Amino acid sequence: MSLKLYNSMSGTKEVFVPVSSEQVTMYACGPTVYNSPHIGNARAAVVFDLLYRVLNRHYQKVVYVRNITDVDDKIIQRANENNEPFNELTERFIGLMHEDERALNIQAPDLEPKATGHITEIIEIIKQLINKDFAYAADNGDVYYAVNKFQDYGKLSRKNPEELLSISLGSTETTFYVLAVYLGAVGIKHSRYAVGCCLAADFAGIFAAICVSYWFFG
């Protein structure tokens, strides 16, 4: 029996055909751990766990990767409010997350990389994007992705960039930007390329990035 998944790009259910006959690889965007887990976190974990179980029934080897964002502005702010090191705060909430997942009989992913473990790679990729004019540094120190450089931007969400965000650069030319270069860091130093049947909203709005993608390791 063939497995069908919804493809956000085509807007239809399609037969799932793995890129590799040796293994299926699955990536889920994990939580940002600055607070106790809530029902929305549980929903995402249950959905990905169900998909993981289904894939395991159909294929001999499945690799499930789910990242954890364990450093960002919200985390640092919450740690400062609590007067504690940010890493102690994140480890506490990661522990609570795993405890809740065990109570829900959710299987652990095969790999669970943390953003703090890939800061060097994140910085290097940001530098490459800036050097290639795909991103720019704003006056406040943040780095933004130049959406007008991405020809297919908006295809997954079916949104026109003009409807999302426009910033005048003081000339007749208007360029569209969206904050994009806090990269999730999942497998950055290993990933060669990833494609997949996405349930995502590009980089704009909520980046609910993705139920299934095929991920190469090397």
Protein backbone atom coordinates (compact mmCIF):
# COMPACT_ATOMS: atom_id res chain seq x y z
CA MET A 1 0.00 0.00 0.00
CA SER A 2 1.46 3.37 -1.03
CA LEU A 3 1.79 6.25 1.41
CA LYS A 4 0.29 9.59 0.40
CA LEU A 5 1.22 12.93 1.96
CA TYR A 6 -0.09 16.43 1.35
CA ASN A 7 2.34 18.54 -0.68
CA SER A 8 1.99 22.24 0.14
CA MET A 9 3.72 23.21 -3.10
CA SER A 10 1.22 21.45 -5.36
CA GLY A 11 -1.74 21.67 -2.99
CA THR A 12 -2.55 17.98 -3.49
CA LYS A 13 -1.99 14.62 -1.85
CA GLU A 14 0.82 12.76 -3.57
CA VAL A 15 2.42 9.35 -3.31
CA PHE A 16 5.47 9.66 -1.09
CA VAL A 17 8.62 8.63 -2.97
CA PRO A 18 11.84 8.78 -0.90
CA VAL A 19 14.88 10.39 -2.48
CA SER A 20 17.02 7.57 -1.13
CA SER A 21 16.05 3.91 -1.28
CA GLU A 22 18.27 3.25 1.76
CA GLN A 23 16.61 5.54 4.27
CA VAL A 24 13.90 8.14 4.80
CA THR A 25 14.90 11.24 6.71
CA MET A 26 12.45 13.47 8.52
CA TYR A 27 12.99 16.91 10.04
CA ALA A 28 10.69 18.71 12.48
CA CYS A 29 11.15 22.25 13.75
CA GLY A 30 11.34 21.87 17.51
CA PRO A 31 10.45 24.27 20.35
CA THR A 32 12.09 27.41 21.66
CA VAL A 33 12.54 26.49 25.31
CA TYR A 34 11.91 29.62 27.38
CA ASN A 35 8.80 28.43 29.22
CA SER A 36 6.98 25.31 30.38
CA PRO A 37 5.55 23.14 27.58
CA HIS A 38 1.96 23.90 26.55
CA ILE A 39 -0.72 22.12 24.57
CA GLY A 40 0.54 23.56 21.28
CA ASN A 41 3.97 22.01 21.87
CA ALA A 42 2.28 18.69 22.64
CA ARG A 43 0.20 18.85 19.48
CA ALA A 44 3.26 19.33 17.28
CA ALA A 45 5.13 16.53 19.05
CA VAL A 46 2.20 14.12 18.68
CA VAL A 47 1.77 14.93 14.97
CA PHE A 48 5.43 14.34 14.17
CA ASP A 49 5.50 11.21 16.33
CA LEU A 50 2.55 9.80 14.40
CA LEU A 51 4.26 10.53 11.09
CA TYR A 52 7.48 8.94 12.39
CA ARG A 53 5.61 5.79 13.37
CA VAL A 54 3.84 5.58 10.00
CA LEU A 55 7.09 6.01 8.10
CA ASN A 56 8.72 3.31 10.21
CA ARG A 57 5.94 0.91 9.26
CA HIS A 58 6.57 1.53 5.56
CA TYR A 59 10.35 1.83 5.41
CA GLN A 60 13.24 -0.10 6.88
CA LYS A 61 15.22 2.90 8.13
CA VAL A 62 13.89 6.31 9.16
CA VAL A 63 16.03 9.08 10.65
CA TYR A 64 14.05 11.67 12.61
CA VAL A 65 15.75 15.00 13.43
CA ARG A 66 14.15 17.65 15.64
CA ASN A 67 16.05 20.74 16.67
CA ILE A 68 15.80 22.69 19.91
CA THR A 69 16.24 26.46 19.90
CA ASP A 70 17.98 27.01 23.23
CA VAL A 71 19.15 30.59 22.76
CA ASP A 72 17.24 33.64 21.53
CA ASP A 73 15.98 36.98 22.83
CA LYS A 74 13.02 35.48 24.70
CA ILE A 75 15.24 32.95 26.45
CA ILE A 76 17.78 35.58 27.48
CA GLN A 77 15.03 37.91 28.69
CA ARG A 78 13.39 35.17 30.77
CA ALA A 79 16.75 34.14 32.24
CA ASN A 80 17.49 37.75 33.20
CA GLU A 81 14.07 38.03 34.82
CA ASN A 82 14.81 34.88 36.84
CA ASN A 83 18.37 35.99 37.59
CA GLU A 84 19.79 32.68 36.36
CA PRO A 85 22.12 31.54 33.55
CA PHE A 86 20.18 31.03 30.32
CA ASN A 87 21.53 27.50 29.87
CA GLU A 88 20.18 26.45 33.27
CA LEU A 89 16.77 27.80 32.28
CA THR A 90 16.75 25.99 28.93
CA GLU A 91 17.93 22.68 30.40
CA ARG A 92 15.12 22.83 32.95
CA PHE A 93 12.46 23.37 30.30
CA ILE A 94 14.00 20.75 27.99
CA GLY A 95 13.72 18.30 30.89
CA LEU A 96 10.07 19.19 31.40
CA MET A 97 9.42 18.78 27.68
CA HIS A 98 10.95 15.31 27.63
CA GLU A 99 9.00 14.37 30.76
CA ASP A 100 5.70 15.38 29.14
CA GLU A 101 6.59 13.52 25.95
CA ARG A 102 7.27 10.32 27.87
CA ALA A 103 3.89 10.70 29.59
CA LEU A 104 2.27 10.96 26.13
CA ASN A 105 4.23 7.92 24.88
CA ILE A 106 5.98 10.05 22.28
CA GLN A 107 9.13 8.49 20.88
CA ALA A 108 12.36 10.46 21.09
CA PRO A 109 13.81 11.66 17.78
CA ASP A 110 16.98 10.01 16.54
CA LEU A 111 18.84 13.33 16.66
CA GLU A 112 17.99 16.40 18.72
CA PRO A 113 20.62 19.09 18.05
CA LYS A 114 20.57 22.37 19.95
CA ALA A 115 21.15 25.76 18.42
CA THR A 116 23.93 26.49 20.91
CA GLY A 117 25.84 23.53 19.53
CA HIS A 118 25.95 25.08 16.05
CA ILE A 119 26.61 28.77 16.61
CA THR A 120 29.83 28.66 14.57
CA GLU A 121 27.98 27.21 11.59
CA ILE A 122 25.12 29.71 11.95
CA ILE A 123 27.54 32.63 11.91
CA GLU A 124 29.37 31.21 8.88
CA ILE A 125 26.15 30.78 6.91
CA ILE A 126 25.04 34.31 7.82
CA LYS A 127 28.39 35.65 6.58
CA GLN A 128 27.98 33.77 3.31
CA LEU A 129 24.48 35.17 2.82
CA ILE A 130 25.70 38.72 3.46
CA ASN A 131 28.67 38.30 1.12
CA LYS A 132 26.34 37.09 -1.64
CA ASP A 133 23.91 39.98 -1.04
CA PHE A 134 21.17 37.59 0.07
CA ALA A 135 21.09 39.22 3.51
CA TYR A 136 22.04 42.50 5.13
CA ALA A 137 22.87 43.79 8.61
CA ALA A 138 20.39 46.34 9.97
CA ASP A 139 21.32 49.28 12.17
CA ASN A 140 20.12 47.43 15.28
CA GLY A 141 22.55 44.56 14.67
CA ASP A 142 20.00 42.07 13.38
CA VAL A 143 20.54 40.35 10.05
CA TYR A 144 17.68 40.23 7.55
CA TYR A 145 17.12 38.07 4.49
CA ALA A 146 16.47 39.92 1.22
CA VAL A 147 13.26 38.31 0.01
CA ASN A 148 13.52 39.93 -3.42
CA LYS A 149 16.62 37.77 -4.01
CA PHE A 150 14.54 34.60 -3.68
CA GLN A 151 12.58 34.18 -6.89
CA ASP A 152 10.22 31.55 -5.50
CA TYR A 153 9.52 33.30 -2.20
CA GLY A 154 5.87 32.95 -1.24
CA LYS A 155 5.10 29.83 -3.24
CA LEU A 156 4.46 27.59 -0.23
CA SER A 157 2.25 30.06 1.60
CA ARG A 158 0.75 31.39 -1.65
CA LYS A 159 1.39 34.90 -0.40
CA ASN A 160 2.55 37.87 -2.39
CA PRO A 161 5.57 39.46 -0.67
CA GLU A 162 3.94 42.85 -1.16
CA GLU A 163 1.12 41.67 1.10
CA LEU A 164 3.53 40.63 3.84
CA LEU A 165 6.12 43.30 4.29
CA SER A 166 7.55 46.20 2.33
CA ILE A 167 10.26 48.64 3.28
CA SER A 168 11.15 51.69 1.26
CA LEU A 169 14.86 52.20 0.81
CA GLY A 170 14.47 55.93 0.12
CA SER A 171 14.29 55.47 -3.63
CA THR A 172 11.77 54.43 -6.24
CA GLU A 173 12.77 50.84 -5.66
CA THR A 174 11.05 48.96 -2.87
CA THR A 175 12.69 45.80 -1.59
CA PHE A 176 10.98 43.23 0.56
CA TYR A 177 12.63 41.78 3.57
CA VAL A 178 11.81 39.31 6.28
CA LEU A 179 13.83 38.33 9.30
CA ALA A 180 15.29 35.02 8.36
CA VAL A 181 18.81 34.51 9.45
CA TYR A 182 18.34 33.13 12.88
CA LEU A 183 18.73 29.73 11.29
CA GLY A 184 17.37 26.75 13.16
CA ALA A 185 20.78 25.10 13.04
CA VAL A 186 19.47 21.60 12.60
CA GLY A 187 22.22 19.60 10.96
CA ILE A 188 23.72 22.71 9.40
CA LYS A 189 27.21 21.32 9.11
CA HIS A 190 25.85 18.06 7.71
CA SER A 191 23.10 19.18 5.39
CA ARG A 192 23.84 19.25 1.69
CA TYR A 193 20.35 19.94 0.57
CA ALA A 194 16.81 19.35 1.61
CA VAL A 195 13.57 19.11 -0.29
CA GLY A 196 10.25 17.80 0.78
CA CYS A 197 6.52 17.85 1.22
CA CYS A 198 6.25 20.93 3.40
CA LEU A 199 3.62 22.19 5.76
CA ALA A 200 5.30 25.54 6.14
CA ALA A 201 4.82 29.25 5.63
CA ASP A 202 8.11 30.18 3.96
CA PHE A 203 10.01 32.49 6.30
CA ALA A 204 7.12 34.87 6.86
CA GLY A 205 4.64 34.80 9.71
CA ILE A 206 4.79 31.55 11.64
CA PHE A 207 7.60 29.37 10.34
CA ALA A 208 5.92 26.06 11.04
CA ALA A 209 8.63 24.47 9.12
CA ILE A 210 8.04 21.19 8.18
CA CYS A 211 6.56 17.84 8.49
CA VAL A 212 8.66 15.90 6.07
CA SER A 213 11.87 16.73 4.33
CA TYR A 214 14.54 14.51 2.90
CA TRP A 215 17.77 15.30 4.64
CA PHE A 216 21.20 14.20 3.47
CA PHE A 217 24.02 13.63 5.89
CA GLY A 218 27.63 13.60 4.95
